Amino acid sequence: MCGIVGYAGRQPAAEILLDGLKRLEYRGYDSAGAALLNGKQRLQVIKAAGRLETLRSLVNQMQPEGSLGIGHTRWATHGRPSNENAHPHVDCTGRIAVVHNGIIENYALLRQQLEREGHRFRSETDTEVIPHLIEAFYRGDLVAAVRRAVAQLQGSFALAVISVDEPDRMVAVRQDSPLVIGLGHEANYLASDIPAILPYTRRVVILEDGEMAVVKADSVSIMDREGRKV
């Protein structure tokens, strides 16, 4: 099982993401990665095949900035373990990043359609169709673009999405794969399982199938697939 962590707050995100991923190691993995937004309209993606210590070493070297980010540990299903196949995956512009737990059953058809439209793929994964779909649907509203992209997907998924164009939020979606939100003080968290966020909060919301969430440092809103508030 893949592991997802996310953080939106006031503190540097990198160490919080790494700590959360460490607490999800029990799920098994073959690669790990993280994406951070630094508030300067820059998305920094760091990922590597192998142990989490390899990712930590890269983070220590690159010193990524940013108080909003997503992290991932991958257990390969589509595509061999490699740097390219590790999450997060990005769109053509490098402005949207996605981490995913689950399997997209119709990814091959979606990839063919997107390639015909000019999208360029860098990995062998099923997940990479998701940021490209969001890119195709993005018209200035990340939640609306994610909602339209998710409507195209068949399979199981827990997603976390961030974008340079809306640097104050994560958008999360759950369908048949676990995802929880941790409520903190001037910070909120996202994870595949509660142990990843226990050092930071004991207040947890468990997303239900079909629900979406917008997670910011100072607020969390949850809605259904049609955008109705839960």
C-alpha atoms as a PDB file:
ATOM      1  CA  MET A   1       0.000   0.000   0.000  1.00  0.00           C
ATOM      2  CA  CYS A   2       1.202   3.490  -0.802  1.00  0.00           C
ATOM      3  CA  GLY A   3       1.375   6.136   1.896  1.00  0.00           C
ATOM      4  CA  ILE A   4       0.288   9.788   1.642  1.00  0.00           C
ATOM      5  CA  VAL A   5       1.092  12.727   3.922  1.00  0.00           C
ATOM      6  CA  GLY A   6       0.292  16.397   3.546  1.00  0.00           C
ATOM      7  CA  TYR A   7       0.862  19.584   5.530  1.00  0.00           C
ATOM      8  CA  ALA A   8      -0.543  23.110   5.308  1.00  0.00           C
ATOM      9  CA  GLY A   9       0.652  25.430   8.041  1.00  0.00           C
ATOM     10  CA  ARG A  10       3.175  28.041   9.135  1.00  0.00           C
ATOM     11  CA  GLN A  11       6.194  25.788   9.767  1.00  0.00           C
ATOM     12  CA  PRO A  12       8.674  24.399   7.203  1.00  0.00           C
ATOM     13  CA  ALA A  13       6.911  21.420   5.673  1.00  0.00           C
ATOM     14  CA  ALA A  14       9.811  19.173   4.647  1.00  0.00           C
ATOM     15  CA  GLU A  15      10.632  17.653   8.033  1.00  0.00           C
ATOM     16  CA  ILE A  16       6.962  17.172   8.904  1.00  0.00           C
ATOM     17  CA  LEU A  17       6.425  15.295   5.636  1.00  0.00           C
ATOM     18  CA  LEU A  18       9.474  13.103   6.192  1.00  0.00           C
ATOM     19  CA  ASP A  19       8.377  12.315   9.749  1.00  0.00           C
ATOM     20  CA  GLY A  20       4.912  11.349   8.541  1.00  0.00           C
ATOM     21  CA  LEU A  21       6.328   9.110   5.823  1.00  0.00           C
ATOM     22  CA  LYS A  22       8.579   7.433   8.382  1.00  0.00           C
ATOM     23  CA  ARG A  23       5.506   6.570  10.447  1.00  0.00           C
ATOM     24  CA  LEU A  24       3.893   4.986   7.360  1.00  0.00           C
ATOM     25  CA  GLU A  25       6.831   2.702   6.542  1.00  0.00           C
ATOM     26  CA  TYR A  26       4.862  -0.271   7.880  1.00  0.00           C
ATOM     27  CA  ARG A  27       2.714  -0.071   4.733  1.00  0.00           C
ATOM     28  CA  GLY A  28       5.704  -1.121   2.606  1.00  0.00           C
ATOM     29  CA  TYR A  29       7.290   0.894  -0.202  1.00  0.00           C
ATOM     30  CA  ASP A  30       9.983   0.925  -2.884  1.00  0.00           C
ATOM     31  CA  SER A  31      10.384   4.683  -3.454  1.00  0.00           C
ATOM     32  CA  ALA A  32       9.495   7.983  -1.816  1.00  0.00           C
ATOM     33  CA  GLY A  33       9.054  11.620  -2.716  1.00  0.00           C
ATOM     34  CA  ALA A  34       7.724  15.024  -1.761  1.00  0.00           C
ATOM     35  CA  ALA A  35       6.537  18.233  -3.424  1.00  0.00           C
ATOM     36  CA  LEU A  36       6.632  21.626  -1.703  1.00  0.00           C
ATOM     37  CA  LEU A  37       5.331  25.082  -2.576  1.00  0.00           C
ATOM     38  CA  ASN A  38       7.605  27.858  -1.395  1.00  0.00           C
ATOM     39  CA  GLY A  39       5.317  30.856  -1.810  1.00  0.00           C
ATOM     40  CA  LYS A  40       7.393  32.211  -4.684  1.00  0.00           C
ATOM     41  CA  GLN A  41       5.354  30.495  -7.395  1.00  0.00           C
ATOM     42  CA  ARG A  42       7.746  27.571  -7.419  1.00  0.00           C
ATOM     43  CA  LEU A  43       6.967  23.884  -7.015  1.00  0.00           C
ATOM     44  CA  GLN A  44       9.916  21.793  -5.857  1.00  0.00           C
ATOM     45  CA  VAL A  45       9.651  18.025  -6.360  1.00  0.00           C
ATOM     46  CA  ILE A  46      12.182  15.653  -4.793  1.00  0.00           C
ATOM     47  CA  LYS A  47      11.870  11.892  -5.187  1.00  0.00           C
ATOM     48  CA  ALA A  48      13.991   8.753  -5.334  1.00  0.00           C
ATOM     49  CA  ALA A  49      13.765   4.988  -5.565  1.00  0.00           C
ATOM     50  CA  GLY A  50      14.875   3.049  -2.512  1.00  0.00           C
ATOM     51  CA  ARG A  51      14.701   3.732   1.191  1.00  0.00           C
ATOM     52  CA  LEU A  52      13.300   6.815   2.853  1.00  0.00           C
ATOM     53  CA  GLU A  53      16.814   7.705   4.004  1.00  0.00           C
ATOM     54  CA  THR A  54      17.690   8.379   0.347  1.00  0.00           C
ATOM     55  CA  LEU A  55      14.913  10.946   0.125  1.00  0.00           C
ATOM     56  CA  ARG A  56      15.973  12.479   3.432  1.00  0.00           C
ATOM     57  CA  SER A  57      19.528  12.830   2.147  1.00  0.00           C
ATOM     58  CA  LEU A  58      18.274  14.644  -0.971  1.00  0.00           C
ATOM     59  CA  VAL A  59      16.096  16.933   1.133  1.00  0.00           C
ATOM     60  CA  ASN A  60      19.078  17.771   3.350  1.00  0.00           C
ATOM     61  CA  GLN A  61      21.134  18.616   0.268  1.00  0.00           C
ATOM     62  CA  MET A  62      18.479  20.678  -1.514  1.00  0.00           C
ATOM     63  CA  GLN A  63      16.972  22.385   1.560  1.00  0.00           C
ATOM     64  CA  PRO A  64      13.522  22.885   0.014  1.00  0.00           C
ATOM     65  CA  GLU A  65      11.476  25.778   1.359  1.00  0.00           C
ATOM     66  CA  GLY A  66       7.764  25.926   1.829  1.00  0.00           C
ATOM     67  CA  SER A  67       5.046  25.536   4.441  1.00  0.00           C
ATOM     68  CA  LEU A  68       2.694  23.542   2.222  1.00  0.00           C
ATOM     69  CA  GLY A  69       3.525  20.174   0.719  1.00  0.00           C
ATOM     70  CA  ILE A  70       2.646  16.567   0.014  1.00  0.00           C
ATOM     71  CA  GLY A  71       4.700  13.394   0.452  1.00  0.00           C
ATOM     72  CA  HIS A  72       4.415   9.794  -0.681  1.00  0.00           C
ATOM     73  CA  THR A  73       5.811   6.304  -0.279  1.00  0.00           C
ATOM     74  CA  ARG A  74       5.130   4.084  -3.300  1.00  0.00           C
ATOM     75  CA  TRP A  75       4.517   0.363  -3.620  1.00  0.00           C
ATOM     76  CA  ALA A  76       4.830  -0.312  -7.362  1.00  0.00           C
ATOM     77  CA  THR A  77       1.813  -1.574  -9.312  1.00  0.00           C
ATOM     78  CA  HIS A  78       2.240   0.045 -12.747  1.00  0.00           C
ATOM     79  CA  GLY A  79       5.879   0.643 -13.650  1.00  0.00           C
ATOM     80  CA  ARG A  80       9.046  -0.612 -11.983  1.00  0.00           C
ATOM     81  CA  PRO A  81      10.559   1.088  -8.935  1.00  0.00           C
ATOM     82  CA  SER A  82      12.555   4.057 -10.255  1.00  0.00           C
ATOM     83  CA  ASN A  83      13.093   7.772  -9.741  1.00  0.00           C
ATOM     84  CA  GLU A  84      10.809   8.544 -12.686  1.00  0.00           C
ATOM     85  CA  ASN A  85       7.977   6.341 -11.417  1.00  0.00           C
ATOM     86  CA  ALA A  86       8.164   7.646  -7.845  1.00  0.00           C
ATOM     87  CA  HIS A  87       5.488  10.098  -6.717  1.00  0.00           C
ATOM     88  CA  PRO A  88       4.667  12.996  -6.760  1.00  0.00           C
ATOM     89  CA  HIS A  89       3.811  13.278 -10.443  1.00  0.00           C
ATOM     90  CA  VAL A  90       3.374  16.592 -12.230  1.00  0.00           C
ATOM     91  CA  ASP A  91       1.595  17.960 -15.281  1.00  0.00           C
ATOM     92  CA  CYS A  92       3.274  19.240 -18.459  1.00  0.00           C
ATOM     93  CA  THR A  93       3.824  22.696 -16.994  1.00  0.00           C
ATOM     94  CA  GLY A  94       5.267  21.498 -13.684  1.00  0.00           C
ATOM     95  CA  ARG A  95       2.681  23.594 -11.827  1.00  0.00           C
ATOM     96  CA  ILE A  96       0.436  20.791 -10.504  1.00  0.00           C
ATOM     97  CA  ALA A  97       1.632  17.882  -8.344  1.00  0.00           C
ATOM     98  CA  VAL A  98      -0.305  14.768  -7.305  1.00  0.00           C
ATOM     99  CA  VAL A  99       0.243  11.830  -4.962  1.00  0.00           C
ATOM    100  CA  HIS A 100      -2.004   8.794  -5.218  1.00  0.00           C
ATOM    101  CA  ASN A 101      -2.781   5.593  -3.375  1.00  0.00           C
ATOM    102  CA  GLY A 102      -4.840   3.073  -5.340  1.00  0.00           C
ATOM    103  CA  ILE A 103      -5.177   1.848  -8.920  1.00  0.00           C
ATOM    104  CA  ILE A 104      -6.596   3.717 -11.919  1.00  0.00           C
ATOM    105  CA  GLU A 105      -8.116   0.929 -13.996  1.00  0.00           C
ATOM    106  CA  ASN A 106      -8.734   2.981 -17.158  1.00  0.00           C
ATOM    107  CA  TYR A 107      -5.391   4.798 -17.160  1.00  0.00           C
ATOM    108  CA  ALA A 108      -4.218   3.338 -20.492  1.00  0.00           C
ATOM    109  CA  LEU A 109      -7.198   4.761 -22.370  1.00  0.00           C
ATOM    110  CA  LEU A 110      -6.890   8.100 -20.589  1.00  0.00           C
ATOM    111  CA  ARG A 111      -3.182   8.258 -21.363  1.00  0.00           C
ATOM    112  CA  GLN A 112      -3.806   7.609 -25.060  1.00  0.00           C
ATOM    113  CA  GLN A 113      -6.381  10.391 -25.153  1.00  0.00           C
ATOM    114  CA  LEU A 114      -4.106  12.834 -23.356  1.00  0.00           C
ATOM    115  CA  GLU A 115      -1.129  12.009 -25.575  1.00  0.00           C
ATOM    116  CA  ARG A 116      -3.266  12.705 -28.634  1.00  0.00           C
ATOM    117  CA  GLU A 117      -4.001  16.110 -27.117  1.00  0.00           C
ATOM    118  CA  GLY A 118      -0.261  16.792 -26.786  1.00  0.00           C
ATOM    119  CA  HIS A 119       0.450  15.862 -23.182  1.00  0.00           C
ATOM    120  CA  ARG A 120       3.956  14.517 -22.505  1.00  0.00           C
ATOM    121  CA  PHE A 121       4.395  11.667 -20.026  1.00  0.00           C
ATOM    122  CA  ARG A 122       7.566  10.966 -18.060  1.00  0.00           C
ATOM    123  CA  SER A 123       6.684   7.740 -16.226  1.00  0.00           C
ATOM    124  CA  GLU A 124       5.101   4.315 -16.689  1.00  0.00           C
ATOM    125  CA  THR A 125       2.579   4.818 -13.883  1.00  0.00           C
ATOM    126  CA  ASP A 126      -1.201   4.921 -13.874  1.00  0.00           C
ATOM    127  CA  THR A 127      -1.043   7.920 -11.532  1.00  0.00           C
ATOM    128  CA  GLU A 128       0.501  10.317 -14.029  1.00  0.00           C
ATOM    129  CA  VAL A 129      -2.740  10.632 -15.987  1.00  0.00           C
ATOM    130  CA  ILE A 130      -4.234  12.484 -12.995  1.00  0.00           C
ATOM    131  CA  PRO A 131      -2.124  15.692 -13.039  1.00  0.00           C
ATOM    132  CA  HIS A 132      -2.493  15.838 -16.819  1.00  0.00           C
ATOM    133  CA  LEU A 133      -6.272  15.552 -16.550  1.00  0.00           C
ATOM    134  CA  ILE A 134      -6.305  18.311 -13.930  1.00  0.00           C
ATOM    135  CA  GLU A 135      -4.133  20.455 -16.207  1.00  0.00           C
ATOM    136  CA  ALA A 136      -6.545  19.893 -19.088  1.00  0.00           C
ATOM    137  CA  PHE A 137      -9.538  20.957 -16.974  1.00  0.00           C
ATOM    138  CA  TYR A 138      -7.904  23.818 -15.039  1.00  0.00           C
ATOM    139  CA  ARG A 139      -9.587  27.177 -15.606  1.00  0.00           C
ATOM    140  CA  GLY A 140      -8.508  29.036 -12.492  1.00  0.00           C
ATOM    141  CA  ASP A 141     -10.325  26.779  -9.990  1.00  0.00           C
ATOM    142  CA  LEU A 142      -8.320  23.828  -8.671  1.00  0.00           C
ATOM    143  CA  VAL A 143     -11.270  22.231  -6.873  1.00  0.00           C
ATOM    144  CA  ALA A 144     -13.386  22.303 -10.027  1.00  0.00           C
ATOM    145  CA  ALA A 145     -10.521  20.879 -12.113  1.00  0.00           C
ATOM    146  CA  VAL A 146      -9.926  18.055  -9.636  1.00  0.00           C
ATOM    147  CA  ARG A 147     -13.647  17.285  -9.548  1.00  0.00           C
ATOM    148  CA  ARG A 148     -13.798  17.029 -13.357  1.00  0.00           C
ATOM    149  CA  ALA A 149     -10.624  14.918 -13.478  1.00  0.00           C
ATOM    150  CA  VAL A 150     -11.867  12.506 -10.813  1.00  0.00           C
ATOM    151  CA  ALA A 151     -15.094  12.019 -12.765  1.00  0.00           C
ATOM    152  CA  GLN A 152     -12.985  10.462 -15.530  1.00  0.00           C
ATOM    153  CA  LEU A 153     -11.277   7.923 -13.263  1.00  0.00           C
ATOM    154  CA  GLN A 154     -12.261   4.313 -12.773  1.00  0.00           C
ATOM    155  CA  GLY A 155     -10.740   2.400  -9.876  1.00  0.00           C
ATOM    156  CA  SER A 156      -9.671   3.183  -6.329  1.00  0.00           C
ATOM    157  CA  PHE A 157      -7.854   6.284  -5.229  1.00  0.00           C
ATOM    158  CA  ALA A 158      -6.861   8.571  -2.421  1.00  0.00           C
ATOM    159  CA  LEU A 159      -5.409  11.764  -3.895  1.00  0.00           C
ATOM    160  CA  ALA A 160      -3.666  14.870  -2.665  1.00  0.00           C
ATOM    161  CA  VAL A 161      -3.138  17.718  -5.133  1.00  0.00           C
ATOM    162  CA  ILE A 162      -1.268  21.024  -4.912  1.00  0.00           C
ATOM    163  CA  SER A 163      -0.768  23.757  -7.502  1.00  0.00           C
ATOM    164  CA  VAL A 164       1.519  26.744  -7.919  1.00  0.00           C
ATOM    165  CA  ASP A 165      -1.512  28.768  -8.980  1.00  0.00           C
ATOM    166  CA  GLU A 166      -3.316  28.204  -5.660  1.00  0.00           C
ATOM    167  CA  PRO A 167      -0.424  27.926  -3.185  1.00  0.00           C
ATOM    168  CA  ASP A 168      -2.470  28.117   0.009  1.00  0.00           C
ATOM    169  CA  ARG A 169      -4.298  24.780  -0.268  1.00  0.00           C
ATOM    170  CA  MET A 170      -4.266  21.038  -0.794  1.00  0.00           C
ATOM    171  CA  VAL A 171      -7.194  19.331  -2.479  1.00  0.00           C
ATOM    172  CA  ALA A 172      -7.850  15.754  -1.366  1.00  0.00           C
ATOM    173  CA  VAL A 173     -10.232  13.088  -2.663  1.00  0.00           C
ATOM    174  CA  ARG A 174     -11.092   9.624  -1.377  1.00  0.00           C
ATOM    175  CA  GLN A 175     -12.606   6.680  -3.216  1.00  0.00           C
ATOM    176  CA  ASP A 176     -12.033   3.164  -1.814  1.00  0.00           C
ATOM    177  CA  SER A 177      -8.611   4.101  -0.379  1.00  0.00           C
ATOM    178  CA  PRO A 178      -8.132   5.511   3.137  1.00  0.00           C
ATOM    179  CA  LEU A 179      -7.473   9.200   3.792  1.00  0.00           C
ATOM    180  CA  VAL A 180      -7.680  11.186   7.043  1.00  0.00           C
ATOM    181  CA  ILE A 181      -7.374  14.864   7.936  1.00  0.00           C
ATOM    182  CA  GLY A 182      -5.706  16.071  11.120  1.00  0.00           C
ATOM    183  CA  LEU A 183      -6.893  19.345  12.657  1.00  0.00           C
ATOM    184  CA  GLY A 184      -4.138  21.347  14.312  1.00  0.00           C
ATOM    185  CA  HIS A 185      -3.362  24.865  15.563  1.00  0.00           C
ATOM    186  CA  GLU A 186      -2.546  27.136  12.591  1.00  0.00           C
ATOM    187  CA  ALA A 187      -1.867  23.920  10.673  1.00  0.00           C
ATOM    188  CA  ASN A 188      -3.789  21.030   9.195  1.00  0.00           C
ATOM    189  CA  TYR A 189      -2.603  17.633   8.050  1.00  0.00           C
ATOM    190  CA  LEU A 190      -3.435  14.871   5.601  1.00  0.00           C
ATOM    191  CA  ALA A 191      -2.441  11.204   5.763  1.00  0.00           C
ATOM    192  CA  SER A 192      -3.278   7.685   4.706  1.00  0.00           C
ATOM    193  CA  ASP A 193      -3.451   6.617   8.339  1.00  0.00           C
ATOM    194  CA  ILE A 194      -3.718   8.263  11.748  1.00  0.00           C
ATOM    195  CA  PRO A 195      -0.235   7.277  13.110  1.00  0.00           C
ATOM    196  CA  ALA A 196       1.418   9.614  10.573  1.00  0.00           C
ATOM    197  CA  ILE A 197      -0.066  12.695  12.252  1.00  0.00           C
ATOM    198  CA  LEU A 198      -0.376  11.664  15.917  1.00  0.00           C
ATOM    199  CA  PRO A 199       2.688  13.704  17.017  1.00  0.00           C
ATOM    200  CA  TYR A 200       0.913  16.864  15.828  1.00  0.00           C
ATOM    201  CA  THR A 201      -2.780  16.390  16.636  1.00  0.00           C
ATOM    202  CA  ARG A 202      -5.310  13.980  18.117  1.00  0.00           C
ATOM    203  CA  ARG A 203      -8.243  15.633  16.319  1.00  0.00           C
ATOM    204  CA  VAL A 204      -8.950  13.618  13.182  1.00  0.00           C
ATOM    205  CA  VAL A 205     -11.584  13.625  10.439  1.00  0.00           C
ATOM    206  CA  ILE A 206     -11.907  10.448   8.374  1.00  0.00           C
ATOM    207  CA  LEU A 207     -12.947  11.156   4.790  1.00  0.00           C
ATOM    208  CA  GLU A 208     -15.736   8.976   3.420  1.00  0.00           C
ATOM    209  CA  ASP A 209     -15.854   7.525  -0.089  1.00  0.00           C
ATOM    210  CA  GLY A 210     -16.729  10.164  -2.656  1.00  0.00           C
ATOM    211  CA  GLU A 211     -15.752  13.103  -0.462  1.00  0.00           C
ATOM    212  CA  MET A 212     -13.352  15.922  -1.368  1.00  0.00           C
ATOM    213  CA  ALA A 213     -11.562  18.235   1.036  1.00  0.00           C
ATOM    214  CA  VAL A 214      -9.818  21.583   0.719  1.00  0.00           C
ATOM    215  CA  VAL A 215      -7.104  21.795   3.374  1.00  0.00           C
ATOM    216  CA  LYS A 216      -5.519  25.136   4.275  1.00  0.00           C
ATOM    217  CA  ALA A 217      -3.431  26.257   7.241  1.00  0.00           C
ATOM    218  CA  ASP A 218      -6.429  27.875   8.903  1.00  0.00           C
ATOM    219  CA  SER A 219      -9.404  25.896   7.593  1.00  0.00           C
ATOM    220  CA  VAL A 220     -10.708  22.593   6.278  1.00  0.00           C
ATOM    221  CA  SER A 221     -13.812  22.252   4.118  1.00  0.00           C
ATOM    222  CA  ILE A 222     -15.332  18.950   3.025  1.00  0.00           C
ATOM    223  CA  MET A 223     -17.749  18.452   0.141  1.00  0.00           C
ATOM    224  CA  ASP A 224     -19.266  15.730  -1.969  1.00  0.00           C
ATOM    225  CA  ARG A 225     -18.457  15.106  -5.645  1.00  0.00           C
ATOM    226  CA  GLU A 226     -21.033  17.722  -6.714  1.00  0.00           C
ATOM    227  CA  GLY A 227     -19.470  20.382  -4.514  1.00  0.00           C
ATOM    228  CA  ARG A 228     -22.138  20.339  -1.788  1.00  0.00           C
ATOM    229  CA  LYS A 229     -20.702  21.002   1.676  1.00  0.00           C
ATOM    230  CA  VAL A 230     -20.648  18.039   4.042  1.00  0.00           C
END
